[in-house]
Amino acid sequence: MIAATEFARRRRQLMRTVGEGSLVVVPGAHTLLRNGDVEFPFRQHSDFYYLTGFSEPDALLVLAPGRKDGEAILFCRQKDPKKEMWDGPMAGLKGAVDDFGMDDAFPMADLDDILPNLMEGYERLFYPLGRETAFDQRVMEWIGTSRQRKGARPPEEFVSLDHHLHDMRLYKSAAEMRSMRRSARIASQAHLAAIRACAPGVNEYQLRAELLRVFHQHNTCESYAPIVGGGSNACVLHYIRCQAELQDGDLVLIDAGAEYDHYASDITRTFPVNGRFTPEQRAIYEVVLEAQEAAIEAAQVGNSWLAPHDAAVRVITRGLIKLKLISGRLNTAIRRRAYERFFMHKTGHWLGMDVHDVGDYEVHGEPRELEAGMAFTIEPGVYIDGKRDIPKAFRNIGIRIEDSLVLRKRGPEVLSADVPKKVDELEALMA
């Protein structure tokens, strides 16, 4: 778990980043109705949680650098014994200070009265500009209320908070890495359970049930809707229906991750339904595995963010030429992007509190340089449809191999290495 002192450190770092004369306002998430009066399970907004560790709905954080009565202010719900009888304990104003390290706390119901006063004397207002139209309008109302006061000096400049806050989230602390390792270990166990449960005649949703069973046994949830696709369904990149029966002779692709302590993992493995690869399946699989190994090797401090993708593209293009699925010389085929029919996505994405985590991929128009503390996925794939110009033995083969990584000074640390990915290891596990 992340300690309260780390959340406080993050708040101080953000205030230093935005500078004096800047007020920061960060809203939390609200509950959402699933149907009727039944709510979805509540999940706090990642930006808000990153700065507070506070998991209750209907809250708002204000960071007021230089405020003599305390710089970190939380607006939240007051304790309500009747509501607590239905929904459980609430932190209340005292808990916000005592348990979450806030300098001050006020009732959320008093937000419209208090916040315009807090804005006084600040030149700039940082907030998630454009995230929610309703919140943008409310900010303007607070500014309008502040301006009505005689001699008022509310902020005149409005700045999006996302760039500064998301750049902070891009670099993982030691505590965050521990949570991500735990998330990946749980997800790895779930993948192993699903692989062992696989056999011809089993349904995709039954493998999904194995994943969710392991997640829930560890008191975690899925970090995104699991993908379980057999045969041609594996060629649908975000296939989440999970309704088909798995057929003897097909491959099945499972893309699933756990969320532990608000941190996500993201793992994909592809394996034969009956436990044995056909020669053609194995040939494609070996190409994807070699591409992933090359991409992981290229994920080094100082390299471009695109270096792993470029390494994977080169291996996949060479493999597809060798298998006569595309034609031409290697460099020419890469230049004309011949591989994109079969490999149409990038080789990874940032990973953290969100499975597709925040952070810029380019800086000043150039691919970002990889640095220690960054976390991301490496996930090349080859997806061959069933069209008639494809040799029959290669049709409807979808293969992706994905691991969660954090980058250390000495190189990449693969968090999901517990799940086998070599052909012989997978076949032995299924046997």
Protein backbone atom coordinates (compact mmCIF):
# COMPACT_ATOMS: atom_id res chain seq x y z
CA MET A 1 0.00 0.00 0.00
CA ILE A 2 1.11 3.57 -0.66
CA ALA A 3 1.81 5.45 2.58
CA ALA A 4 0.12 8.76 3.44
CA THR A 5 3.57 10.40 3.47
CA GLU A 6 4.01 9.59 -0.22
CA PHE A 7 0.71 11.19 -1.16
CA ALA A 8 1.81 14.29 0.80
CA ARG A 9 5.15 14.29 -1.05
CA ARG A 10 3.30 14.20 -4.38
CA ARG A 11 1.17 17.17 -3.38
CA ARG A 12 4.25 19.17 -2.41
CA GLN A 13 5.98 18.24 -5.66
CA LEU A 14 2.99 19.37 -7.71
CA MET A 15 2.85 22.71 -5.86
CA ARG A 16 6.54 23.26 -6.56
CA THR A 17 5.96 22.42 -10.22
CA VAL A 18 3.09 24.86 -10.79
CA GLY A 19 4.86 27.55 -8.75
CA GLU A 20 3.82 30.30 -6.40
CA GLY A 21 0.69 32.23 -7.29
CA SER A 22 -0.96 29.05 -8.63
CA LEU A 23 -4.03 27.40 -7.14
CA VAL A 24 -4.68 23.72 -7.99
CA VAL A 25 -8.18 22.23 -8.00
CA VAL A 26 -8.63 18.46 -8.58
CA PRO A 27 -12.11 16.90 -8.49
CA GLY A 28 -12.70 13.30 -7.50
CA ALA A 29 -15.08 10.85 -9.16
CA HIS A 30 -18.79 10.40 -8.57
CA THR A 31 -20.87 7.26 -8.30
CA LEU A 32 -22.55 6.11 -11.53
CA LEU A 33 -25.82 4.27 -11.90
CA ARG A 34 -25.69 0.90 -13.61
CA ASN A 35 -29.46 0.57 -13.84
CA GLY A 36 -32.39 1.73 -11.75
CA ASP A 37 -30.94 2.68 -8.37
CA VAL A 38 -28.05 0.18 -8.54
CA GLU A 39 -24.61 1.75 -8.78
CA PHE A 40 -21.47 0.54 -10.50
CA PRO A 41 -18.70 -0.35 -8.04
CA PHE A 42 -17.03 2.94 -7.22
CA ARG A 43 -13.51 3.57 -8.47
CA GLN A 44 -11.79 6.86 -7.64
CA HIS A 45 -10.40 8.99 -10.46
CA SER A 46 -6.71 8.16 -10.86
CA ASP A 47 -5.45 11.77 -10.78
CA PHE A 48 -7.36 12.51 -7.58
CA TYR A 49 -6.30 9.27 -5.90
CA TYR A 50 -2.67 9.83 -6.90
CA LEU A 51 -2.64 13.02 -4.84
CA THR A 52 -4.86 11.96 -1.93
CA GLY A 53 -5.23 8.20 -1.47
CA PHE A 54 -8.88 9.06 -0.76
CA SER A 55 -11.39 6.49 -2.07
CA GLU A 56 -14.76 8.08 -1.30
CA PRO A 57 -16.94 9.68 -4.00
CA ASP A 58 -17.92 13.35 -4.15
CA ALA A 59 -14.68 14.96 -3.00
CA LEU A 60 -12.40 17.73 -4.25
CA LEU A 61 -8.77 18.61 -3.50
CA VAL A 62 -7.45 22.17 -3.41
CA LEU A 63 -3.73 22.90 -3.23
CA ALA A 64 -3.11 26.48 -2.14
CA PRO A 65 0.65 27.21 -1.99
CA GLY A 66 1.51 29.68 0.74
CA ARG A 67 -1.85 29.53 2.50
CA LYS A 68 -1.06 30.16 6.17
CA ASP A 69 -3.87 27.92 7.45
CA GLY A 70 -2.65 24.93 5.42
CA GLU A 71 -1.93 24.27 1.77
CA ALA A 72 -3.70 20.90 1.23
CA ILE A 73 -7.47 21.23 1.60
CA LEU A 74 -9.98 18.45 1.06
CA PHE A 75 -13.68 18.97 0.48
CA CYS A 76 -15.54 15.76 1.27
CA ARG A 77 -18.77 14.35 2.68
CA GLN A 78 -19.43 14.78 6.37
CA LYS A 79 -19.96 11.71 8.50
CA ASP A 80 -23.58 10.59 8.41
CA PRO A 81 -24.58 7.72 10.74
CA LYS A 82 -27.70 6.89 8.72
CA LYS A 83 -25.76 6.70 5.45
CA GLU A 84 -22.96 4.76 7.12
CA MET A 85 -25.55 2.19 8.19
CA TRP A 86 -26.17 1.46 4.49
CA ASP A 87 -22.78 2.08 2.88
CA GLY A 88 -20.19 1.69 5.64
CA PRO A 89 -17.82 4.07 7.45
CA MET A 90 -16.95 7.49 6.02
CA ALA A 91 -13.78 9.44 6.71
CA GLY A 92 -15.49 12.73 7.40
CA LEU A 93 -13.62 15.98 7.97
CA LYS A 94 -11.59 14.68 10.92
CA GLY A 95 -10.55 11.57 9.02
CA ALA A 96 -9.44 13.67 6.05
CA VAL A 97 -6.92 15.42 8.32
CA ASP A 98 -5.98 12.60 10.72
CA ASP A 99 -5.89 9.67 8.28
CA PHE A 100 -5.12 11.28 4.91
CA GLY A 101 -2.70 14.01 5.95
CA MET A 102 -4.72 17.02 4.82
CA ASP A 103 -4.03 20.38 6.40
CA ASP A 104 -7.69 21.34 6.41
CA ALA A 105 -11.06 19.88 5.43
CA PHE A 106 -14.49 21.32 4.69
CA PRO A 107 -17.90 19.82 3.87
CA MET A 108 -18.50 19.27 0.18
CA ALA A 109 -21.84 21.00 0.69
CA ASP A 110 -19.98 24.26 1.47
CA LEU A 111 -17.77 24.14 -1.65
CA ASP A 112 -19.56 26.93 -3.54
CA ASP A 113 -19.28 29.26 -0.55
CA ILE A 114 -15.66 28.56 0.42
CA LEU A 115 -13.80 27.98 -2.84
CA PRO A 116 -14.31 31.50 -4.29
CA ASN A 117 -12.62 32.84 -1.13
CA LEU A 118 -9.70 30.41 -1.51
CA MET A 119 -9.12 31.72 -5.04
CA GLU A 120 -8.37 35.23 -3.79
CA GLY A 121 -4.87 36.45 -4.58
CA TYR A 122 -3.86 33.61 -6.91
CA GLU A 123 -2.80 34.52 -10.44
CA ARG A 124 -3.33 31.13 -12.10
CA LEU A 125 -5.80 28.32 -11.66
CA PHE A 126 -4.67 24.81 -12.57
CA TYR A 127 -7.43 22.25 -13.00
CA PRO A 128 -8.36 19.41 -15.42
CA LEU A 129 -9.50 21.82 -18.11
CA GLY A 130 -11.86 20.24 -20.62
CA ARG A 131 -12.32 16.91 -18.83
CA GLU A 132 -15.96 17.62 -17.92
CA THR A 133 -18.03 20.44 -19.38
CA ALA A 134 -20.10 20.66 -16.20
CA PHE A 135 -16.99 21.13 -14.07
CA ASP A 136 -15.60 23.78 -16.44
CA GLN A 137 -18.88 25.69 -16.04
CA ARG A 138 -18.70 25.36 -12.28
CA VAL A 139 -15.17 26.80 -12.24
CA MET A 140 -16.44 29.83 -14.16
CA GLU A 141 -19.22 30.23 -11.61
CA TRP A 142 -16.67 30.21 -8.75
CA ILE A 143 -14.60 32.83 -10.57
CA GLY A 144 -17.73 34.92 -11.14
CA THR A 145 -18.67 34.72 -7.45
CA SER A 146 -15.15 35.75 -6.44
CA ARG A 147 -15.18 38.75 -8.79
CA GLN A 148 -18.35 40.08 -7.20
CA ARG A 149 -16.47 40.78 -3.99
CA LYS A 150 -15.13 44.31 -3.57
CA GLY A 151 -11.40 44.44 -4.29
CA ALA A 152 -11.33 40.79 -5.31
CA ARG A 153 -8.35 39.41 -7.22
CA PRO A 154 -9.32 35.95 -8.49
CA PRO A 155 -7.13 34.06 -11.00
CA GLU A 156 -7.03 35.51 -14.50
CA GLU A 157 -5.16 32.63 -16.12
CA PHE A 158 -6.59 29.11 -16.47
CA VAL A 159 -4.14 26.28 -17.16
CA SER A 160 -4.76 22.58 -17.82
CA LEU A 161 -3.37 20.51 -14.98
CA ASP A 162 -2.96 17.36 -17.05
CA HIS A 163 0.51 17.98 -18.47
CA HIS A 164 2.20 18.61 -15.11
CA LEU A 165 0.34 15.96 -13.13
CA HIS A 166 0.57 13.29 -15.81
CA ASP A 167 4.29 13.83 -16.20
CA MET A 168 4.63 13.13 -12.46
CA ARG A 169 2.59 9.95 -12.78
CA LEU A 170 4.84 8.71 -15.58
CA TYR A 171 7.74 8.06 -13.16
CA LYS A 172 7.03 5.30 -10.64
CA SER A 173 8.33 5.39 -7.08
CA ALA A 174 9.63 2.32 -5.22
CA ALA A 175 6.25 1.96 -3.51
CA GLU A 176 4.40 2.15 -6.83
CA MET A 177 6.69 -0.50 -8.30
CA ARG A 178 5.91 -2.80 -5.37
CA SER A 179 2.18 -2.42 -6.04
CA MET A 180 2.72 -3.07 -9.75
CA ARG A 181 4.75 -6.21 -9.03
CA ARG A 182 1.94 -7.48 -6.82
CA SER A 183 -0.63 -6.68 -9.51
CA ALA A 184 1.41 -8.57 -12.11
CA ARG A 185 1.87 -11.59 -9.82
CA ILE A 186 -1.87 -11.86 -9.28
CA ALA A 187 -2.57 -11.47 -12.99
CA SER A 188 0.09 -14.10 -13.76
CA GLN A 189 -1.62 -16.60 -11.47
CA ALA A 190 -4.92 -15.88 -13.21
CA HIS A 191 -3.38 -16.52 -16.63
CA LEU A 192 -1.87 -19.81 -15.43
CA ALA A 193 -5.28 -20.92 -14.12
CA ALA A 194 -6.96 -20.09 -17.43
CA ILE A 195 -4.28 -21.89 -19.46
CA ARG A 196 -4.68 -25.02 -17.33
CA ALA A 197 -8.48 -24.89 -17.70
CA CYS A 198 -8.36 -24.70 -21.49
CA ALA A 199 -9.49 -27.63 -23.66
CA PRO A 200 -11.59 -28.15 -26.79
CA GLY A 201 -15.27 -27.57 -26.03
CA VAL A 202 -14.60 -25.12 -23.19
CA ASN A 203 -16.27 -21.75 -23.72
CA GLU A 204 -14.41 -18.44 -23.85
CA TYR A 205 -16.46 -17.14 -20.93
CA GLN A 206 -15.36 -20.11 -18.83
CA LEU A 207 -11.72 -19.07 -19.21
CA ARG A 208 -12.74 -15.51 -18.37
CA ALA A 209 -14.40 -16.90 -15.23
CA GLU A 210 -11.08 -18.49 -14.22
CA LEU A 211 -9.36 -15.13 -14.56
CA LEU A 212 -11.96 -13.35 -12.45
CA ARG A 213 -11.95 -16.14 -9.85
CA VAL A 214 -8.24 -15.65 -9.20
CA PHE A 215 -8.55 -11.87 -9.17
CA HIS A 216 -11.33 -12.00 -6.58
CA GLN A 217 -9.51 -14.60 -4.47
CA HIS A 218 -6.76 -12.01 -4.06
CA ASN A 219 -9.26 -9.22 -3.31
CA THR A 220 -8.52 -7.46 -6.58
CA CYS A 221 -10.52 -6.69 -9.69
CA GLU A 222 -9.72 -6.70 -13.39
CA SER A 223 -7.89 -3.61 -14.65
CA TYR A 224 -9.92 -3.77 -17.89
CA ALA A 225 -12.47 -6.08 -19.47
CA PRO A 226 -10.63 -9.36 -20.15
CA ILE A 227 -10.17 -10.44 -23.75
CA VAL A 228 -10.56 -14.19 -24.41
CA GLY A 229 -10.68 -14.91 -28.11
CA GLY A 230 -10.45 -18.30 -29.82
CA GLY A 231 -9.78 -18.84 -33.52
CA SER A 232 -10.78 -15.84 -35.64
CA ASN A 233 -11.88 -13.94 -32.52
CA ALA A 234 -8.20 -13.60 -31.60
CA CYS A 235 -7.83 -11.36 -34.66
CA VAL A 236 -10.28 -8.82 -33.15
CA LEU A 237 -7.97 -6.61 -31.10
CA HIS A 238 -10.50 -5.62 -28.41
CA TYR A 239 -12.76 -8.67 -28.48
CA ILE A 240 -14.69 -8.80 -25.18
CA ARG A 241 -17.86 -10.76 -26.06
CA CYS A 242 -16.31 -14.05 -24.86
CA GLN A 243 -19.25 -16.19 -26.01
CA ALA A 244 -17.75 -18.75 -28.41
CA GLU A 245 -16.84 -22.37 -27.82
CA LEU A 246 -13.13 -23.10 -28.22
CA GLN A 247 -12.39 -25.42 -31.11
CA ASP A 248 -9.82 -28.19 -31.41
CA GLY A 249 -6.96 -26.97 -33.62
CA ASP A 250 -7.48 -23.28 -32.92
CA LEU A 251 -5.43 -20.86 -30.85
CA VAL A 252 -6.87 -18.83 -27.99
CA LEU A 253 -5.61 -15.36 -27.03
CA ILE A 254 -6.07 -14.10 -23.47
CA ASP A 255 -5.39 -10.45 -22.65
CA ALA A 256 -6.12 -9.70 -18.99
CA GLY A 257 -4.69 -7.77 -16.06
CA ALA A 258 -5.41 -7.20 -12.39
CA GLU A 259 -5.74 -3.94 -10.49
CA TYR A 260 -4.06 -3.99 -7.09
CA ASP A 261 -3.97 -0.90 -4.86
CA HIS A 262 -5.14 1.16 -7.87
CA TYR A 263 -2.25 -0.08 -10.07
CA ALA A 264 -2.81 -2.10 -13.22
CA SER A 265 -1.05 -4.99 -14.88
CA ASP A 266 -1.51 -6.00 -18.51
CA ILE A 267 -0.57 -9.46 -19.82
CA THR A 268 -1.36 -11.34 -23.02
CA ARG A 269 -0.62 -14.95 -23.86
CA THR A 270 -1.66 -17.02 -26.88
CA PHE A 271 -1.69 -20.82 -26.86
CA PRO A 272 -3.33 -23.80 -28.63
CA VAL A 273 -6.73 -24.93 -27.42
CA ASN A 274 -5.69 -28.59 -27.58
CA GLY A 275 -2.23 -28.03 -26.12
CA ARG A 276 -0.23 -28.50 -29.33
CA PHE A 277 0.75 -25.87 -31.93
CA THR A 278 0.37 -26.75 -35.59
CA PRO A 279 3.53 -26.08 -37.66
CA GLU A 280 2.01 -22.90 -39.11
CA GLN A 281 0.82 -21.66 -35.73
CA ARG A 282 4.23 -22.34 -34.27
CA ALA A 283 5.96 -20.53 -37.13
CA ILE A 284 3.91 -17.35 -36.57
CA TYR A 285 4.23 -17.65 -32.81
CA GLU A 286 8.01 -17.86 -32.98
CA VAL A 287 8.07 -14.70 -35.09
CA VAL A 288 6.00 -12.79 -32.53
CA LEU A 289 8.05 -14.13 -29.61
CA GLU A 290 11.32 -13.14 -31.30
CA ALA A 291 9.84 -9.70 -31.97
CA GLN A 292 8.87 -9.30 -28.32
CA GLU A 293 12.32 -10.38 -27.13
CA ALA A 294 13.94 -7.87 -29.48
CA ALA A 295 11.59 -5.12 -28.30
CA ILE A 296 12.32 -5.83 -24.63
CA GLU A 297 16.04 -5.73 -25.38
CA ALA A 298 15.56 -2.32 -27.03
CA ALA A 299 13.73 -0.94 -23.97
CA GLN A 300 16.79 0.66 -22.39
CA VAL A 301 17.36 3.94 -20.59
CA GLY A 302 18.31 6.58 -23.17
CA ASN A 303 16.64 4.86 -26.12
CA SER A 304 13.70 6.39 -27.94
CA TRP A 305 10.18 5.36 -26.91
CA LEU A 306 9.85 4.02 -30.49
CA ALA A 307 12.99 1.86 -30.30
CA PRO A 308 11.10 -1.24 -29.03
CA HIS A 309 8.44 -0.81 -31.73
CA ASP A 310 11.04 -0.40 -34.47
CA ALA A 311 12.81 -3.55 -33.27
CA ALA A 312 9.55 -5.53 -33.28
CA VAL A 313 8.57 -4.25 -36.75
CA ARG A 314 11.89 -5.38 -38.18
CA VAL A 315 11.60 -8.90 -36.78
CA ILE A 316 7.95 -9.32 -37.77
CA THR A 317 8.50 -8.01 -41.29
CA ARG A 318 11.45 -10.33 -41.79
CA GLY A 319 9.41 -13.28 -40.49
CA LEU A 320 6.40 -12.53 -42.69
CA ILE A 321 8.65 -12.31 -45.76
CA LYS A 322 10.24 -15.64 -44.89
CA LEU A 323 6.78 -17.22 -44.56
CA LYS A 324 5.76 -15.63 -47.90
CA LEU A 325 2.87 -13.71 -46.36
CA ILE A 326 4.35 -10.45 -47.65
CA SER A 327 6.88 -9.92 -50.41
CA GLY A 328 9.85 -7.71 -51.16
CA ARG A 329 13.16 -6.81 -49.57
CA LEU A 330 13.17 -6.20 -45.84
CA ASN A 331 13.94 -2.45 -45.78
CA THR A 332 11.56 -1.77 -48.67
CA ALA A 333 8.75 -3.73 -47.00
CA ILE A 334 9.28 -1.78 -43.76
CA ARG A 335 9.35 1.53 -45.61
CA ARG A 336 6.05 0.81 -47.38
CA ARG A 337 4.58 -0.60 -44.13
CA ALA A 338 3.67 -3.93 -45.70
CA TYR A 339 3.54 -5.45 -42.22
CA GLU A 340 0.57 -3.27 -41.18
CA ARG A 341 -1.98 -5.67 -42.66
CA PHE A 342 -0.91 -8.16 -39.99
CA PHE A 343 0.59 -5.92 -37.29
CA MET A 344 -1.45 -2.72 -37.11
CA HIS A 345 -0.80 -1.37 -33.60
CA LYS A 346 2.13 0.01 -31.66
CA THR A 347 4.25 -2.33 -29.55
CA GLY A 348 3.25 -0.92 -26.16
CA HIS A 349 1.79 1.81 -24.01
CA TRP A 350 2.42 3.45 -20.64
CA LEU A 351 1.20 1.46 -17.64
CA GLY A 352 0.32 2.56 -14.12
CA MET A 353 -2.86 3.56 -12.32
CA ASP A 354 -4.65 3.29 -15.66
CA VAL A 355 -3.95 0.35 -17.93
CA HIS A 356 -3.36 2.81 -20.79
CA ASP A 357 -1.65 5.22 -18.48
CA VAL A 358 -1.10 8.94 -18.85
CA GLY A 359 2.05 10.64 -20.12
CA ASP A 360 3.23 12.18 -23.37
CA TYR A 361 4.80 9.90 -25.97
CA GLU A 362 6.47 12.86 -27.69
CA VAL A 363 8.40 15.83 -26.34
CA HIS A 364 8.80 18.84 -28.64
CA GLY A 365 7.63 16.73 -31.56
CA GLU A 366 10.18 13.95 -31.01
CA PRO A 367 9.63 10.49 -29.52
CA ARG A 368 10.20 10.56 -25.79
CA GLU A 369 13.42 9.20 -24.35
CA LEU A 370 13.00 6.22 -22.05
CA GLU A 371 14.03 6.87 -18.44
CA ALA A 372 14.32 4.85 -15.25
CA GLY A 373 11.04 4.64 -13.36
CA MET A 374 8.80 4.47 -16.43
CA ALA A 375 6.39 1.54 -16.69
CA PHE A 376 4.96 0.22 -19.94
CA THR A 377 3.95 -2.85 -21.91
CA ILE A 378 5.68 -4.66 -24.74
CA GLU A 379 3.07 -6.37 -26.94
CA PRO A 380 3.80 -7.18 -30.59
CA GLY A 381 1.27 -9.26 -32.46
CA VAL A 382 0.41 -10.84 -35.79
CA TYR A 383 -3.25 -11.16 -36.85
CA ILE A 384 -3.99 -13.12 -40.02
CA ASP A 385 -7.55 -12.99 -41.27
CA GLY A 386 -9.43 -15.68 -43.16
CA LYS A 387 -9.38 -14.07 -46.59
CA ARG A 388 -8.79 -16.26 -49.62
CA ASP A 389 -5.42 -14.75 -50.57
CA ILE A 390 -3.98 -16.23 -47.35
CA PRO A 391 -2.76 -19.86 -47.49
CA LYS A 392 -5.40 -21.98 -45.73
CA ALA A 393 -3.11 -23.26 -42.96
CA PHE A 394 -2.35 -19.66 -41.87
CA ARG A 395 -5.93 -18.37 -41.84
CA ASN A 396 -7.52 -17.04 -38.63
CA ILE A 397 -4.34 -17.06 -36.60
CA GLY A 398 -4.19 -14.22 -34.08
CA ILE A 399 -1.17 -14.07 -31.79
CA ARG A 400 -0.13 -11.39 -29.29
CA ILE A 401 2.45 -11.73 -26.52
CA GLU A 402 2.42 -8.99 -23.91
CA ASP A 403 4.30 -8.33 -20.68
CA SER A 404 4.22 -5.55 -18.07
CA LEU A 405 7.59 -3.87 -17.44
CA VAL A 406 9.20 -1.19 -15.33
CA LEU A 407 12.42 0.35 -16.56
CA ARG A 408 15.34 0.34 -14.14
CA LYS A 409 18.77 1.90 -14.64
CA ARG A 410 20.19 -1.54 -15.38
CA GLY A 411 17.46 -2.31 -17.90
CA PRO A 412 13.84 -3.53 -18.10
CA GLU A 413 12.30 -5.58 -15.29
CA VAL A 414 9.60 -7.90 -16.66
CA LEU A 415 6.89 -8.03 -14.00
CA SER A 416 4.89 -10.80 -15.66
CA ALA A 417 7.69 -13.30 -16.25
CA ASP A 418 5.85 -15.96 -14.22
CA VAL A 419 3.63 -16.78 -17.20
CA PRO A 420 5.47 -19.03 -19.71
CA LYS A 421 5.67 -17.87 -23.29
CA LYS A 422 8.04 -20.24 -25.06
CA VAL A 423 6.32 -22.89 -27.17
CA ASP A 424 7.73 -25.88 -25.28
CA GLU A 425 6.88 -24.31 -21.91
CA LEU A 426 3.28 -23.62 -22.91
CA GLU A 427 2.77 -27.10 -24.31
CA ALA A 428 4.27 -28.64 -21.16
CA LEU A 429 2.01 -26.52 -18.93
CA MET A 430 -1.09 -27.60 -20.85
CA ALA A 431 -0.03 -31.24 -20.81
